[in-house]
Amino acid sequence: MPEDPGPRAASPAALVPTREAEVPEAEIADSQLVRLANSGDASAFERLYLRHRDRVAGLAWRFTRNREDALDVMQDAFAYLFSKFPGFELRAKMTTFLYPVVRNLALEKVRKRGRTVPIADSDSTEREPEPAPDPADAAERGIRLGEALGELNEGERDVVHLRFTEGMKLGEIAEALSTPLGTVKSRLHSALARLRKMLGDS
């Protein structure tokens, strides 16, 4: 996972003035912030940026495996979001909206640099391992899981990532990927079956 990049000079949040929030952060939803931003509240967009930048940077790094590229993608993603105001309509969760934006920007950057898109999913290496009686066994299983994820096709990896890392519901995954719900269910079922087989689980 990339380090917290902190605000950068080129961020869309830097393009607007800020003021102290009147509502505690934990008590205001993304949809409310979108409404405030649409009405001209400059600090509302900044709050969206600060709330989601770490997740966006981490997702961008998952696709690019390069810190600078990930930060560039993060800035481009929020610049794209900023360009939608005023008049932006949030029809799903903000994470659902941002996922395809970040994914497409990241893959385009990888293509432009002439690099191969990494196949292995980073999720197995980003999380702290669960305590285990034998750390060597846990590490070995983590390596096997990473290798197994790398054997999945791109569609299956996307569904597994969104379901188990992002915690999205199947309907949200379908919307994020612009894919029929039945296809999402099929990919998830296929991915889990393949992972169980490759990892030797019953």
Protein backbone atom coordinates (compact mmCIF):
# COMPACT_ATOMS: atom_id res chain seq x y z
CA MET A 1 0.00 0.00 0.00
CA PRO A 2 1.48 3.40 -0.85
CA GLU A 3 2.31 5.85 1.90
CA ASP A 4 -0.24 8.54 2.65
CA PRO A 5 0.66 11.02 -0.09
CA GLY A 6 -0.94 13.98 1.65
CA PRO A 7 -2.34 16.92 -0.29
CA ARG A 8 -0.32 17.86 -3.37
CA ALA A 9 -0.18 21.21 -5.06
CA ALA A 10 -1.86 19.88 -8.17
CA SER A 11 -4.83 18.36 -6.35
CA PRO A 12 -8.32 19.57 -7.27
CA ALA A 13 -8.81 20.32 -3.58
CA ALA A 14 -6.10 22.94 -3.89
CA LEU A 15 -8.10 24.69 -6.58
CA VAL A 16 -10.84 25.67 -4.12
CA PRO A 17 -10.75 27.59 -0.84
CA THR A 18 -11.35 25.71 2.36
CA ARG A 19 -13.25 26.55 5.49
CA GLU A 20 -13.85 24.74 8.73
CA ALA A 21 -16.51 22.08 8.39
CA GLU A 22 -19.75 22.81 10.20
CA VAL A 23 -20.78 19.18 10.50
CA PRO A 24 -18.63 16.44 12.10
CA GLU A 25 -17.02 14.30 9.39
CA ALA A 26 -18.51 11.06 10.67
CA GLU A 27 -22.02 12.47 10.49
CA ILE A 28 -22.15 13.61 6.88
CA ALA A 29 -22.61 11.23 3.94
CA ASP A 30 -20.95 11.45 0.54
CA SER A 31 -24.34 12.24 -1.00
CA GLN A 32 -24.67 15.26 1.29
CA LEU A 33 -21.18 16.45 0.39
CA VAL A 34 -22.05 16.12 -3.29
CA ARG A 35 -25.16 18.24 -2.79
CA LEU A 36 -23.12 20.86 -0.93
CA ALA A 37 -20.45 20.89 -3.63
CA ASN A 38 -23.11 21.28 -6.31
CA SER A 39 -24.50 24.27 -4.44
CA GLY A 40 -21.11 25.99 -4.37
CA ASP A 41 -19.69 24.86 -1.02
CA ALA A 42 -16.00 24.70 -1.91
CA SER A 43 -15.00 22.79 1.23
CA ALA A 44 -17.38 19.92 0.43
CA PHE A 45 -15.26 18.72 -2.49
CA GLU A 46 -12.14 18.91 -0.36
CA ARG A 47 -13.81 16.70 2.22
CA LEU A 48 -14.64 14.16 -0.46
CA TYR A 49 -11.02 14.28 -1.60
CA LEU A 50 -9.61 13.81 1.90
CA ARG A 51 -12.09 11.04 2.67
CA HIS A 52 -11.34 8.94 -0.43
CA ARG A 53 -7.77 9.80 -1.48
CA ASP A 54 -6.08 6.96 0.43
CA ARG A 55 -8.41 4.33 -0.99
CA VAL A 56 -8.00 5.76 -4.50
CA ALA A 57 -4.20 5.88 -4.18
CA GLY A 58 -4.14 2.29 -2.95
CA LEU A 59 -6.34 1.13 -5.79
CA ALA A 60 -4.20 2.98 -8.33
CA TRP A 61 -1.08 1.35 -6.89
CA ARG A 62 -2.72 -2.06 -7.19
CA PHE A 63 -2.97 -1.55 -10.95
CA THR A 64 0.28 0.33 -11.60
CA ARG A 65 2.66 -1.08 -8.95
CA ASN A 66 4.42 2.28 -9.10
CA ARG A 67 4.10 4.96 -6.42
CA GLU A 68 4.49 7.99 -8.68
CA ASP A 69 2.10 6.57 -11.25
CA ALA A 70 -0.39 5.81 -8.49
CA LEU A 71 -0.23 9.39 -7.20
CA ASP A 72 -0.65 10.73 -10.73
CA VAL A 73 -3.69 8.52 -11.25
CA MET A 74 -5.13 9.64 -7.93
CA GLN A 75 -4.83 13.29 -8.97
CA ASP A 76 -6.30 12.58 -12.41
CA ALA A 77 -9.23 10.72 -10.87
CA PHE A 78 -10.12 13.60 -8.56
CA ALA A 79 -9.60 16.11 -11.36
CA TYR A 80 -12.13 14.11 -13.36
CA LEU A 81 -14.54 14.12 -10.42
CA PHE A 82 -14.00 17.86 -9.92
CA SER A 83 -14.87 18.49 -13.56
CA LYS A 84 -18.31 16.97 -12.94
CA PHE A 85 -19.33 19.82 -10.61
CA PRO A 86 -21.72 21.53 -10.52
CA GLY A 87 -24.40 19.15 -11.69
CA PHE A 88 -22.86 15.87 -10.58
CA GLU A 89 -25.36 13.18 -9.58
CA LEU A 90 -24.11 10.44 -7.29
CA ARG A 91 -26.29 7.46 -8.20
CA ALA A 92 -24.27 4.87 -6.24
CA LYS A 93 -21.58 4.83 -3.56
CA MET A 94 -18.64 7.12 -4.26
CA THR A 95 -16.34 4.08 -4.22
CA THR A 96 -18.52 2.45 -6.88
CA PHE A 97 -18.29 5.56 -9.05
CA LEU A 98 -14.54 5.97 -8.60
CA TYR A 99 -13.48 2.36 -9.18
CA PRO A 100 -13.84 2.27 -13.00
CA VAL A 101 -12.40 5.79 -13.25
CA VAL A 102 -9.25 4.83 -11.35
CA ARG A 103 -8.96 1.47 -13.09
CA ASN A 104 -9.18 2.95 -16.58
CA LEU A 105 -6.76 5.79 -15.81
CA ALA A 106 -4.26 3.39 -14.25
CA LEU A 107 -4.36 0.87 -17.08
CA GLU A 108 -3.99 3.67 -19.63
CA LYS A 109 -0.92 4.98 -17.81
CA VAL A 110 0.59 1.50 -17.74
CA ARG A 111 -0.04 1.09 -21.47
CA LYS A 112 1.49 4.48 -22.28
CA ARG A 113 4.63 3.55 -20.37
CA GLY A 114 4.86 0.34 -22.35
CA ARG A 115 4.75 -1.82 -19.27
CA THR A 116 2.81 -5.02 -18.71
CA VAL A 117 -0.16 -4.81 -16.39
CA PRO A 118 0.73 -6.90 -13.30
CA ILE A 119 -1.29 -10.05 -13.04
CA ALA A 120 -0.89 -10.82 -9.37
CA ASP A 121 -3.33 -9.10 -7.06
CA SER A 122 -1.71 -7.01 -4.34
CA ASP A 123 -4.34 -7.68 -1.70
CA SER A 124 -2.55 -10.70 -0.28
CA THR A 125 0.59 -8.66 0.42
CA GLU A 126 -1.05 -5.43 1.61
CA ARG A 127 -2.75 -6.87 4.68
CA GLU A 128 -1.07 -7.80 7.92
CA PRO A 129 -1.13 -11.58 8.25
CA GLU A 130 -3.40 -13.08 10.88
CA PRO A 131 -1.56 -14.47 13.92
CA ALA A 132 -0.66 -18.08 13.26
CA PRO A 133 1.11 -20.80 15.22
CA ASP A 134 3.80 -21.00 12.56
CA PRO A 135 4.64 -17.69 10.80
CA ALA A 136 6.43 -19.61 8.05
CA ASP A 137 3.21 -21.45 7.22
CA ALA A 138 1.27 -18.17 7.09
CA ALA A 139 3.85 -16.61 4.79
CA GLU A 140 3.82 -19.65 2.52
CA ARG A 141 0.04 -19.54 2.31
CA GLY A 142 0.17 -15.81 1.50
CA ILE A 143 2.55 -16.52 -1.36
CA ARG A 144 0.33 -19.34 -2.63
CA LEU A 145 -2.71 -17.08 -2.45
CA GLY A 146 -0.94 -14.35 -4.42
CA GLU A 147 0.09 -16.87 -7.05
CA ALA A 148 -3.44 -18.28 -7.21
CA LEU A 149 -4.95 -14.82 -7.65
CA GLY A 150 -2.51 -14.25 -10.47
CA GLU A 151 -3.95 -17.28 -12.26
CA LEU A 152 -7.44 -15.76 -12.34
CA ASN A 153 -8.49 -13.82 -15.40
CA GLU A 154 -8.86 -10.04 -15.16
CA GLY A 155 -12.63 -10.13 -14.74
CA GLU A 156 -12.44 -12.64 -11.90
CA ARG A 157 -9.73 -10.67 -10.10
CA ASP A 158 -11.77 -7.47 -10.32
CA VAL A 159 -14.81 -9.16 -8.80
CA VAL A 160 -12.80 -10.80 -6.01
CA HIS A 161 -11.08 -7.49 -5.18
CA LEU A 162 -14.30 -5.49 -5.08
CA ARG A 163 -16.16 -8.13 -3.05
CA PHE A 164 -13.58 -8.97 -0.41
CA THR A 165 -11.29 -5.91 -0.28
CA GLU A 166 -13.71 -3.10 -1.04
CA GLY A 167 -16.62 -4.87 0.63
CA MET A 168 -19.02 -4.09 -2.20
CA LYS A 169 -22.31 -5.91 -2.66
CA LEU A 170 -22.81 -7.84 -5.88
CA GLY A 171 -25.15 -5.20 -7.29
CA GLU A 172 -22.60 -2.49 -6.60
CA ILE A 173 -19.89 -4.54 -8.29
CA ALA A 174 -22.10 -4.95 -11.34
CA GLU A 175 -22.58 -1.18 -11.49
CA ALA A 176 -18.90 -0.39 -10.93
CA LEU A 177 -17.83 -2.74 -13.71
CA SER A 178 -20.81 -2.01 -16.00
CA THR A 179 -21.37 -5.75 -16.06
CA PRO A 180 -24.63 -7.72 -15.73
CA LEU A 181 -25.31 -9.00 -12.21
CA GLY A 182 -25.50 -12.57 -13.49
CA THR A 183 -22.02 -12.26 -14.96
CA VAL A 184 -20.66 -10.89 -11.68
CA LYS A 185 -22.15 -13.83 -9.78
CA SER A 186 -20.74 -16.28 -12.30
CA ARG A 187 -17.26 -14.73 -12.16
CA LEU A 188 -17.24 -14.75 -8.36
CA HIS A 189 -18.39 -18.36 -8.19
CA SER A 190 -15.80 -19.41 -10.78
CA ALA A 191 -13.01 -17.44 -9.07
CA LEU A 192 -13.72 -18.91 -5.63
CA ALA A 193 -13.94 -22.44 -7.03
CA ARG A 194 -10.61 -22.02 -8.82
CA LEU A 195 -8.96 -20.53 -5.74
CA ARG A 196 -10.16 -23.41 -3.53
CA LYS A 197 -8.83 -25.91 -6.03
CA MET A 198 -5.46 -24.18 -6.45
CA LEU A 199 -5.02 -23.78 -2.69
CA GLY A 200 -6.02 -27.37 -2.01
CA ASP A 201 -9.04 -26.46 0.11
CA SER A 202 -12.08 -28.66 0.21
